């Protein structure tokens, strides 16, 4: 079972994603802000996050801190700067099955 970090500042969205991913067999580590994410990401081969999280300029600094150390999947409702070192961008709203397939791809790679 792969350990996944999910970063989401909206508590209800975080709870929903956590339940969906746990049901799919992942161990989910949750973070509601960048400070928690930076404390908790180690040991997680995949990080699923929104770019708009508190504290770190829409998540860009978090991405820079963990790039190359974990696969980064960004969930976004808008444009994502192509210069950001992310592994995949999924458009919100993202179907649960699509998110699970993406995580499985990166955890088995």
Protein backbone atom coordinates (compact mmCIF):
# COMPACT_ATOMS: atom_id res chain seq x y z
CA UNK A 1 0.00 0.00 0.00
CA UNK A 2 1.51 3.31 -1.10
CA UNK A 3 1.60 6.24 1.26
CA UNK A 4 0.22 9.43 -0.34
CA UNK A 5 0.29 13.02 0.93
CA UNK A 6 -2.82 15.02 0.11
CA UNK A 7 -2.56 18.79 0.61
CA UNK A 8 -5.87 20.66 0.66
CA UNK A 9 -6.91 23.66 2.75
CA UNK A 10 -10.63 22.97 2.33
CA UNK A 11 -11.45 20.51 5.13
CA UNK A 12 -14.45 18.96 3.38
CA UNK A 13 -12.49 18.40 0.15
CA UNK A 14 -9.58 16.95 2.13
CA UNK A 15 -11.91 14.52 3.93
CA UNK A 16 -13.54 13.44 0.66
CA UNK A 17 -10.21 12.85 -1.09
CA UNK A 18 -8.86 11.01 1.94
CA UNK A 19 -11.87 8.66 2.04
CA UNK A 20 -11.74 7.99 -1.71
CA UNK A 21 -8.02 7.24 -1.69
CA UNK A 22 -8.15 5.09 1.45
CA UNK A 23 -11.01 3.12 -0.08
CA UNK A 24 -8.76 2.58 -3.14
CA UNK A 25 -6.11 1.08 -0.84
CA UNK A 26 -3.74 3.99 -0.24
CA UNK A 27 -2.44 5.12 3.12
CA UNK A 28 -3.26 8.84 3.18
CA UNK A 29 -1.30 11.49 5.05
CA UNK A 30 -3.28 14.73 5.16
CA UNK A 31 -2.08 18.32 5.36
CA UNK A 32 -4.15 21.49 5.37
CA UNK A 33 -1.33 23.96 4.79
CA UNK A 34 2.22 24.16 3.55
CA UNK A 35 3.80 23.90 6.99
CA UNK A 36 2.02 20.60 7.66
CA UNK A 37 2.86 19.38 4.17
CA UNK A 38 6.57 20.09 4.61
CA UNK A 39 6.53 18.27 7.96
CA UNK A 40 4.65 15.23 6.64
CA UNK A 41 5.67 14.56 3.02
CA UNK A 42 8.72 12.39 3.69
CA UNK A 43 8.01 8.73 3.01
CA UNK A 44 5.27 9.62 0.54
CA UNK A 45 6.24 8.82 -3.05
CA UNK A 46 3.33 10.90 -4.37
CA UNK A 47 1.99 14.28 -3.28
CA UNK A 48 -1.46 15.37 -4.48
CA UNK A 49 -2.02 19.08 -4.03
CA UNK A 50 -3.84 22.19 -5.06
CA UNK A 51 -1.69 25.14 -6.06
CA UNK A 52 -3.70 27.48 -3.88
CA UNK A 53 -2.75 26.56 -0.34
CA UNK A 54 -2.10 28.89 2.59
CA UNK A 55 1.37 30.16 3.40
CA UNK A 56 3.42 29.38 0.31
CA UNK A 57 2.49 31.58 -2.61
CA UNK A 58 -0.10 29.27 -4.08
CA UNK A 59 1.96 26.15 -3.43
CA UNK A 60 4.93 27.04 -5.65
CA UNK A 61 7.44 26.97 -2.78
CA UNK A 62 6.13 23.61 -1.58
CA UNK A 63 6.60 22.23 -5.07
CA UNK A 64 10.15 23.59 -5.21
CA UNK A 65 10.94 22.04 -1.80
CA UNK A 66 9.87 18.51 -2.73
CA UNK A 67 10.50 18.42 -6.49
CA UNK A 68 12.62 15.44 -7.43
CA UNK A 69 12.02 13.80 -4.04
CA UNK A 70 8.38 12.82 -4.62
CA UNK A 71 6.05 12.74 -7.61
CA UNK A 72 3.81 15.81 -7.60
CA UNK A 73 0.27 15.73 -8.94
CA UNK A 74 -1.37 19.16 -9.04
CA UNK A 75 -5.14 19.54 -9.06
CA UNK A 76 -5.97 22.86 -10.66
CA UNK A 77 -8.96 24.75 -11.91
CA UNK A 78 -6.78 27.06 -13.99
CA UNK A 79 -3.46 27.45 -15.73
CA UNK A 80 -0.36 25.94 -14.17
CA UNK A 81 3.00 27.56 -14.86
CA UNK A 82 4.84 25.19 -17.18
CA UNK A 83 8.10 26.04 -15.41
CA UNK A 84 6.92 24.39 -12.17
CA UNK A 85 8.55 20.98 -11.72
CA UNK A 86 5.38 18.92 -11.38
CA UNK A 87 4.85 15.42 -12.73
CA UNK A 88 1.21 15.78 -13.70
CA UNK A 89 -1.58 18.33 -13.74
CA UNK A 90 -5.19 17.19 -13.40
CA UNK A 91 -8.02 19.59 -14.10
CA UNK A 92 -10.57 20.23 -11.37
CA UNK A 93 -13.06 18.82 -10.90
CA UNK A 94 -11.13 15.60 -11.34
CA UNK A 95 -13.05 12.32 -11.39
CA UNK A 96 -11.95 10.03 -8.55
CA UNK A 97 -11.07 7.19 -10.92
CA UNK A 98 -8.75 9.50 -12.91
CA UNK A 99 -6.94 10.60 -9.73
CA UNK A 100 -6.53 7.00 -8.56
CA UNK A 101 -5.17 5.93 -11.97
CA UNK A 102 -2.68 8.78 -11.90
CA UNK A 103 -1.45 7.89 -8.40
CA UNK A 104 -1.16 4.22 -9.37
CA UNK A 105 0.90 5.18 -12.42
CA UNK A 106 3.39 7.14 -10.31
CA UNK A 107 3.60 4.64 -7.46
CA UNK A 108 4.34 1.77 -9.81
CA UNK A 109 6.86 3.69 -11.94
